[in-house]
Amino acid sequence: MQVANITILSECSHAVRKVQRKPASVFVDLIRILARKMAERRNRNALLELSDDQLKDIGLSRGQAGSDVHIYSRY
């Protein structure tokens, strides 16, 4: 029974740590999101510069190269 109590306390303290985020960590997360979006844009622009034959070689169509949906997905 004591083990169950320790597990519950551990889960509660983990939930509290998620709520109390420091402003610096929020800023770092925003920087990471911005960097990822910029990389996605660079990749999309590079794909749009390819010819239709080059896109066909890597298995993409012109529509897939310009979409915001996962362009690498085959679904």
PDB file of N, CA and C in Angstrom:
ATOM      1  N   MET A   1       0.808  -1.197   0.000  1.00  0.00           N
ATOM      2  CA  MET A   1       0.000   0.000   0.000  1.00  0.00           C
ATOM      3  C   MET A   1       0.853   1.265   0.000  1.00  0.00           C
ATOM      4  N   GLN A   2       1.950   1.222   0.642  1.00  0.00           N
ATOM      5  CA  GLN A   2       2.796   2.405   0.688  1.00  0.00           C
ATOM      6  C   GLN A   2       3.371   2.733  -0.683  1.00  0.00           C
ATOM      7  N   VAL A   3       3.609   1.714  -1.461  1.00  0.00           N
ATOM      8  CA  VAL A   3       4.137   1.950  -2.803  1.00  0.00           C
ATOM      9  C   VAL A   3       3.136   2.724  -3.638  1.00  0.00           C
ATOM     10  N   ALA A   4       1.844   2.410  -3.516  1.00  0.00           N
ATOM     11  CA  ALA A   4       0.806   3.121  -4.259  1.00  0.00           C
ATOM     12  C   ALA A   4       0.764   4.592  -3.847  1.00  0.00           C
ATOM     13  N   ASN A   5       0.951   4.867  -2.562  1.00  0.00           N
ATOM     14  CA  ASN A   5       0.949   6.247  -2.097  1.00  0.00           C
ATOM     15  C   ASN A   5       2.132   7.025  -2.671  1.00  0.00           C
ATOM     16  N   ILE A   6       3.266   6.391  -2.767  1.00  0.00           N
ATOM     17  CA  ILE A   6       4.438   7.046  -3.329  1.00  0.00           C
ATOM     18  C   ILE A   6       4.212   7.363  -4.796  1.00  0.00           C
ATOM     19  N   THR A   7       3.602   6.443  -5.520  1.00  0.00           N
ATOM     20  CA  THR A   7       3.315   6.658  -6.934  1.00  0.00           C
ATOM     21  C   THR A   7       2.373   7.833  -7.127  1.00  0.00           C
ATOM     22  N   ILE A   8       1.334   7.896  -6.300  1.00  0.00           N
ATOM     23  CA  ILE A   8       0.372   8.993  -6.407  1.00  0.00           C
ATOM     24  C   ILE A   8       1.054  10.324  -6.110  1.00  0.00           C
ATOM     25  N   LEU A   9       1.875  10.373  -5.069  1.00  0.00           N
ATOM     26  CA  LEU A   9       2.569  11.611  -4.744  1.00  0.00           C
ATOM     27  C   LEU A   9       3.519  12.007  -5.872  1.00  0.00           C
ATOM     28  N   SER A  10       4.150  11.040  -6.469  1.00  0.00           N
ATOM     29  CA  SER A  10       5.060  11.323  -7.567  1.00  0.00           C
ATOM     30  C   SER A  10       4.313  11.918  -8.749  1.00  0.00           C
ATOM     31  N   GLU A  11       3.151  11.351  -9.082  1.00  0.00           N
ATOM     32  CA  GLU A  11       2.359  11.869 -10.190  1.00  0.00           C
ATOM     33  C   GLU A  11       1.864  13.275  -9.892  1.00  0.00           C
ATOM     34  N   CYS A  12       1.474  13.543  -8.656  1.00  0.00           N
ATOM     35  CA  CYS A  12       0.995  14.880  -8.290  1.00  0.00           C
ATOM     36  C   CYS A  12       2.111  15.912  -8.401  1.00  0.00           C
ATOM     37  N   SER A  13       3.293  15.582  -7.936  1.00  0.00           N
ATOM     38  CA  SER A  13       4.395  16.540  -7.996  1.00  0.00           C
ATOM     39  C   SER A  13       4.813  16.786  -9.443  1.00  0.00           C
ATOM     40  N   HIS A  14       4.712  15.746 -10.288  1.00  0.00           N
ATOM     41  CA  HIS A  14       5.039  15.917 -11.708  1.00  0.00           C
ATOM     42  C   HIS A  14       4.052  16.877 -12.366  1.00  0.00           C
ATOM     43  N   ALA A  15       2.774  16.776 -12.033  1.00  0.00           N
ATOM     44  CA  ALA A  15       1.758  17.661 -12.601  1.00  0.00           C
ATOM     45  C   ALA A  15       1.983  19.102 -12.153  1.00  0.00           C
ATOM     46  N   VAL A  16       2.414  19.302 -10.914  1.00  0.00           N
ATOM     47  CA  VAL A  16       2.661  20.645 -10.402  1.00  0.00           C
ATOM     48  C   VAL A  16       3.851  21.271 -11.131  1.00  0.00           C
ATOM     49  N   ARG A  17       4.885  20.472 -11.414  1.00  0.00           N
ATOM     50  CA  ARG A  17       6.059  21.003 -12.121  1.00  0.00           C
ATOM     51  C   ARG A  17       5.711  21.472 -13.521  1.00  0.00           C
ATOM     52  N   LYS A  18       4.753  20.824 -14.171  1.00  0.00           N
ATOM     53  CA  LYS A  18       4.369  21.235 -15.513  1.00  0.00           C
ATOM     54  C   LYS A  18       3.687  22.601 -15.491  1.00  0.00           C
ATOM     55  N   VAL A  19       2.926  22.875 -14.455  1.00  0.00           N
ATOM     56  CA  VAL A  19       2.183  24.129 -14.369  1.00  0.00           C
ATOM     57  C   VAL A  19       3.117  25.300 -14.082  1.00  0.00           C
ATOM     58  N   GLN A  20       4.130  25.096 -13.260  1.00  0.00           N
ATOM     59  CA  GLN A  20       5.016  26.175 -12.855  1.00  0.00           C
ATOM     60  C   GLN A  20       6.216  26.262 -13.792  1.00  0.00           C
ATOM     61  N   ARG A  21       6.016  26.870 -14.956  1.00  0.00           N
ATOM     62  CA  ARG A  21       7.105  27.025 -15.913  1.00  0.00           C
ATOM     63  C   ARG A  21       7.715  28.408 -15.767  1.00  0.00           C
ATOM     64  N   LYS A  22       8.983  28.463 -15.930  1.00  0.00           N
ATOM     65  CA  LYS A  22       9.680  29.734 -15.830  1.00  0.00           C
ATOM     66  C   LYS A  22       9.546  30.492 -17.150  1.00  0.00           C
ATOM     67  N   PRO A  23       9.525  31.819 -17.092  1.00  0.00           N
ATOM     68  CA  PRO A  23       9.423  32.606 -18.329  1.00  0.00           C
ATOM     69  C   PRO A  23      10.559  32.318 -19.305  1.00  0.00           C
ATOM     70  N   ALA A  24      11.724  31.990 -18.804  1.00  0.00           N
ATOM     71  CA  ALA A  24      12.855  31.701 -19.691  1.00  0.00           C
ATOM     72  C   ALA A  24      12.585  30.441 -20.506  1.00  0.00           C
ATOM     73  N   SER A  25      11.966  29.426 -19.896  1.00  0.00           N
ATOM     74  CA  SER A  25      11.685  28.194 -20.632  1.00  0.00           C
ATOM     75  C   SER A  25      10.605  28.424 -21.681  1.00  0.00           C
ATOM     76  N   VAL A  26       9.649  29.285 -21.386  1.00  0.00           N
ATOM     77  CA  VAL A  26       8.625  29.626 -22.376  1.00  0.00           C
ATOM     78  C   VAL A  26       9.278  30.343 -23.550  1.00  0.00           C
ATOM     79  N   PHE A  27      10.202  31.235 -23.276  1.00  0.00           N
ATOM     80  CA  PHE A  27      10.912  31.959 -24.326  1.00  0.00           C
ATOM     81  C   PHE A  27      11.733  31.001 -25.189  1.00  0.00           C
ATOM     82  N   VAL A  28      12.398  30.055 -24.562  1.00  0.00           N
ATOM     83  CA  VAL A  28      13.191  29.068 -25.300  1.00  0.00           C
ATOM     84  C   VAL A  28      12.281  28.227 -26.190  1.00  0.00           C
ATOM     85  N   ASP A  29      11.114  27.836 -25.670  1.00  0.00           N
ATOM     86  CA  ASP A  29      10.164  27.070 -26.475  1.00  0.00           C
ATOM     87  C   ASP A  29       9.689  27.866 -27.689  1.00  0.00           C
ATOM     88  N   LEU A  30       9.439  29.144 -27.504  1.00  0.00           N
ATOM     89  CA  LEU A  30       9.020  29.990 -28.622  1.00  0.00           C
ATOM     90  C   LEU A  30      10.122  30.104 -29.677  1.00  0.00           C
ATOM     91  N   ILE A  31      11.353  30.213 -29.236  1.00  0.00           N
ATOM     92  CA  ILE A  31      12.485  30.267 -30.165  1.00  0.00           C
ATOM     93  C   ILE A  31      12.580  28.963 -30.951  1.00  0.00           C
ATOM     94  N   ARG A  32      12.388  27.836 -30.278  1.00  0.00           N
ATOM     95  CA  ARG A  32      12.434  26.530 -30.961  1.00  0.00           C
ATOM     96  C   ARG A  32      11.325  26.404 -32.000  1.00  0.00           C
ATOM     97  N   ILE A  33      10.127  26.848 -31.642  1.00  0.00           N
ATOM     98  CA  ILE A  33       9.011  26.793 -32.587  1.00  0.00           C
ATOM     99  C   ILE A  33       9.303  27.666 -33.797  1.00  0.00           C
ATOM    100  N   LEU A  34       9.811  28.859 -33.563  1.00  0.00           N
ATOM    101  CA  LEU A  34      10.142  29.769 -34.655  1.00  0.00           C
ATOM    102  C   LEU A  34      11.227  29.177 -35.553  1.00  0.00           C
ATOM    103  N   ALA A  35      12.236  28.581 -34.961  1.00  0.00           N
ATOM    104  CA  ALA A  35      13.304  27.968 -35.746  1.00  0.00           C
ATOM    105  C   ALA A  35      12.771  26.805 -36.584  1.00  0.00           C
ATOM    106  N   ARG A  36      11.874  25.995 -36.009  1.00  0.00           N
ATOM    107  CA  ARG A  36      11.302  24.874 -36.762  1.00  0.00           C
ATOM    108  C   ARG A  36      10.454  25.373 -37.928  1.00  0.00           C
ATOM    109  N   LYS A  37       9.656  26.415 -37.708  1.00  0.00           N
ATOM    110  CA  LYS A  37       8.831  26.977 -38.780  1.00  0.00           C
ATOM    111  C   LYS A  37       9.694  27.565 -39.891  1.00  0.00           C
ATOM    112  N   MET A  38      10.792  28.210 -39.521  1.00  0.00           N
ATOM    113  CA  MET A  38      11.692  28.767 -40.529  1.00  0.00           C
ATOM    114  C   MET A  38      12.346  27.661 -41.352  1.00  0.00           C
ATOM    115  N   ALA A  39      12.711  26.561 -40.703  1.00  0.00           N
ATOM    116  CA  ALA A  39      13.303  25.424 -41.418  1.00  0.00           C
ATOM    117  C   ALA A  39      12.282  24.801 -42.363  1.00  0.00           C
ATOM    118  N   GLU A  40      11.043  24.664 -41.907  1.00  0.00           N
ATOM    119  CA  GLU A  40       9.991  24.125 -42.770  1.00  0.00           C
ATOM    120  C   GLU A  40       9.791  25.010 -43.993  1.00  0.00           C
ATOM    121  N   ARG A  41       9.828  26.305 -43.799  1.00  0.00           N
ATOM    122  CA  ARG A  41       9.641  27.238 -44.918  1.00  0.00           C
ATOM    123  C   ARG A  41      10.800  27.137 -45.911  1.00  0.00           C
ATOM    124  N   ARG A  42      12.038  27.035 -45.389  1.00  0.00           N
ATOM    125  CA  ARG A  42      13.198  26.878 -46.280  1.00  0.00           C
ATOM    126  C   ARG A  42      13.086  25.598 -47.100  1.00  0.00           C
ATOM    127  N   ASN A  43      12.674  24.511 -46.437  1.00  0.00           N
ATOM    128  CA  ASN A  43      12.528  23.238 -47.141  1.00  0.00           C
ATOM    129  C   ASN A  43      11.439  23.319 -48.211  1.00  0.00           C
ATOM    130  N   ARG A  44      10.315  23.925 -47.875  1.00  0.00           N
ATOM    131  CA  ARG A  44       9.221  24.060 -48.836  1.00  0.00           C
ATOM    132  C   ARG A  44       9.651  24.911 -50.023  1.00  0.00           C
ATOM    133  N   ASN A  45      10.352  26.007 -49.760  1.00  0.00           N
ATOM    134  CA  ASN A  45      10.822  26.861 -50.857  1.00  0.00           C
ATOM    135  C   ASN A  45      11.832  26.136 -51.736  1.00  0.00           C
ATOM    136  N   ALA A  46      12.691  25.328 -51.122  1.00  0.00           N
ATOM    137  CA  ALA A  46      13.659  24.556 -51.907  1.00  0.00           C
ATOM    138  C   ALA A  46      12.943  23.546 -52.791  1.00  0.00           C
ATOM    139  N   LEU A  47      11.897  22.923 -52.282  1.00  0.00           N
ATOM    140  CA  LEU A  47      11.132  21.975 -53.094  1.00  0.00           C
ATOM    141  C   LEU A  47      10.414  22.671 -54.238  1.00  0.00           C
ATOM    142  N   LEU A  48       9.913  23.879 -53.985  1.00  0.00           N
ATOM    143  CA  LEU A  48       9.192  24.595 -55.035  1.00  0.00           C
ATOM    144  C   LEU A  48      10.118  25.059 -56.157  1.00  0.00           C
ATOM    145  N   GLU A  49      11.414  25.142 -55.892  1.00  0.00           N
ATOM    146  CA  GLU A  49      12.369  25.521 -56.931  1.00  0.00           C
ATOM    147  C   GLU A  49      12.711  24.363 -57.859  1.00  0.00           C
ATOM    148  N   LEU A  50      12.376  23.127 -57.457  1.00  0.00           N
ATOM    149  CA  LEU A  50      12.688  21.962 -58.283  1.00  0.00           C
ATOM    150  C   LEU A  50      11.732  21.873 -59.471  1.00  0.00           C
ATOM    151  N   SER A  51      12.209  21.269 -60.548  1.00  0.00           N
ATOM    152  CA  SER A  51      11.347  21.053 -61.712  1.00  0.00           C
ATOM    153  C   SER A  51      10.409  19.884 -61.430  1.00  0.00           C
ATOM    154  N   ASP A  52       9.397  19.722 -62.292  1.00  0.00           N
ATOM    155  CA  ASP A  52       8.458  18.623 -62.126  1.00  0.00           C
ATOM    156  C   ASP A  52       9.150  17.267 -62.226  1.00  0.00           C
ATOM    157  N   ASP A  53      10.121  17.153 -63.111  1.00  0.00           N
ATOM    158  CA  ASP A  53      10.853  15.893 -63.240  1.00  0.00           C
ATOM    159  C   ASP A  53      11.661  15.585 -61.978  1.00  0.00           C
ATOM    160  N   GLN A  54      12.269  16.597 -61.394  1.00  0.00           N
ATOM    161  CA  GLN A  54      13.038  16.386 -60.167  1.00  0.00           C
ATOM    162  C   GLN A  54      12.121  15.993 -59.010  1.00  0.00           C
ATOM    163  N   LEU A  55      10.953  16.635 -58.938  1.00  0.00           N
ATOM    164  CA  LEU A  55       9.991  16.274 -57.905  1.00  0.00           C
ATOM    165  C   LEU A  55       9.516  14.836 -58.095  1.00  0.00           C
ATOM    166  N   LYS A  56       9.299  14.446 -59.345  1.00  0.00           N
ATOM    167  CA  LYS A  56       8.867  13.077 -59.632  1.00  0.00           C
ATOM    168  C   LYS A  56       9.923  12.076 -59.186  1.00  0.00           C
ATOM    169  N   ASP A  57      11.203  12.427 -59.335  1.00  0.00           N
ATOM    170  CA  ASP A  57      12.288  11.536 -58.920  1.00  0.00           C
ATOM    171  C   ASP A  57      12.259  11.248 -57.415  1.00  0.00           C
ATOM    172  N   ILE A  58      11.845  12.213 -56.630  1.00  0.00           N
ATOM    173  CA  ILE A  58      11.801  11.999 -55.181  1.00  0.00           C
ATOM    174  C   ILE A  58      10.399  11.606 -54.705  1.00  0.00           C
ATOM    175  N   GLY A  59       9.467  11.434 -55.652  1.00  0.00           N
ATOM    176  CA  GLY A  59       8.145  10.917 -55.310  1.00  0.00           C
ATOM    177  C   GLY A  59       7.149  11.943 -54.833  1.00  0.00           C
ATOM    178  N   LEU A  60       7.289  13.180 -55.269  1.00  0.00           N
ATOM    179  CA  LEU A  60       6.353  14.233 -54.879  1.00  0.00           C
ATOM    180  C   LEU A  60       5.731  14.865 -56.116  1.00  0.00           C
ATOM    181  N   SER A  61       4.538  15.404 -55.932  1.00  0.00           N
ATOM    182  CA  SER A  61       3.914  16.180 -56.999  1.00  0.00           C
ATOM    183  C   SER A  61       4.066  17.665 -56.662  1.00  0.00           C
ATOM    184  N   ARG A  62       3.729  18.510 -57.601  1.00  0.00           N
ATOM    185  CA  ARG A  62       3.825  19.955 -57.383  1.00  0.00           C
ATOM    186  C   ARG A  62       2.893  20.377 -56.241  1.00  0.00           C
ATOM    187  N   GLY A  63       1.718  19.784 -56.171  1.00  0.00           N
ATOM    188  CA  GLY A  63       0.763  20.114 -55.107  1.00  0.00           C
ATOM    189  C   GLY A  63       1.258  19.711 -53.737  1.00  0.00           C
ATOM    190  N   GLN A  64       1.898  18.552 -53.650  1.00  0.00           N
ATOM    191  CA  GLN A  64       2.426  18.110 -52.365  1.00  0.00           C
ATOM    192  C   GLN A  64       3.585  18.989 -51.911  1.00  0.00           C
ATOM    193  N   ALA A  65       4.380  19.453 -52.839  1.00  0.00           N
ATOM    194  CA  ALA A  65       5.534  20.281 -52.483  1.00  0.00           C
ATOM    195  C   ALA A  65       5.108  21.619 -51.899  1.00  0.00           C
ATOM    196  N   GLY A  66       3.964  22.140 -52.325  1.00  0.00           N
ATOM    197  CA  GLY A  66       3.523  23.441 -51.851  1.00  0.00           C
ATOM    198  C   GLY A  66       2.547  23.404 -50.705  1.00  0.00           C
ATOM    199  N   SER A  67       2.141  22.216 -50.267  1.00  0.00           N
ATOM    200  CA  SER A  67       1.130  22.130 -49.212  1.00  0.00           C
ATOM    201  C   SER A  67       1.763  22.207 -47.829  1.00  0.00           C
ATOM    202  N   ASP A  68       0.944  22.565 -46.853  1.00  0.00           N
ATOM    203  CA  ASP A  68       1.397  22.620 -45.461  1.00  0.00           C
ATOM    204  C   ASP A  68       1.264  21.267 -44.779  1.00  0.00           C
ATOM    205  N   VAL A  69       0.579  20.353 -45.415  1.00  0.00           N
ATOM    206  CA  VAL A  69       0.427  19.014 -44.865  1.00  0.00           C
ATOM    207  C   VAL A  69       1.771  18.316 -45.012  1.00  0.00           C
ATOM    208  N   HIS A  70       2.010  17.271 -44.250  1.00  0.00           N
ATOM    209  CA  HIS A  70       3.273  16.551 -44.337  1.00  0.00           C
ATOM    210  C   HIS A  70       3.548  16.157 -45.778  1.00  0.00           C
ATOM    211  N   ILE A  71       4.491  16.813 -46.385  1.00  0.00           N
ATOM    212  CA  ILE A  71       4.793  16.544 -47.779  1.00  0.00           C
ATOM    213  C   ILE A  71       5.527  15.244 -47.965  1.00  0.00           C
ATOM    214  N   TYR A  72       6.071  14.710 -46.896  1.00  0.00           N
ATOM    215  CA  TYR A  72       6.816  13.471 -46.999  1.00  0.00           C
ATOM    216  C   TYR A  72       5.919  12.255 -46.783  1.00  0.00           C
ATOM    217  N   SER A  73       4.656  12.500 -46.463  1.00  0.00           N
ATOM    218  CA  SER A  73       3.738  11.402 -46.204  1.00  0.00           C
ATOM    219  C   SER A  73       3.214  10.843 -47.517  1.00  0.00           C
ATOM    220  N   ARG A  74       2.982   9.569 -47.549  1.00  0.00           N
ATOM    221  CA  ARG A  74       2.447   8.934 -48.742  1.00  0.00           C
ATOM    222  C   ARG A  74       0.948   8.727 -48.636  1.00  0.00           C
ATOM    223  N   TYR A  75       0.294   9.266 -47.609  1.00  0.00           N
ATOM    224  CA  TYR A  75      -1.139   9.065 -47.433  1.00  0.00           C
ATOM    225  C   TYR A  75      -1.922  10.199 -48.000  1.00  0.00           C
TER     226      TYR A  75
END
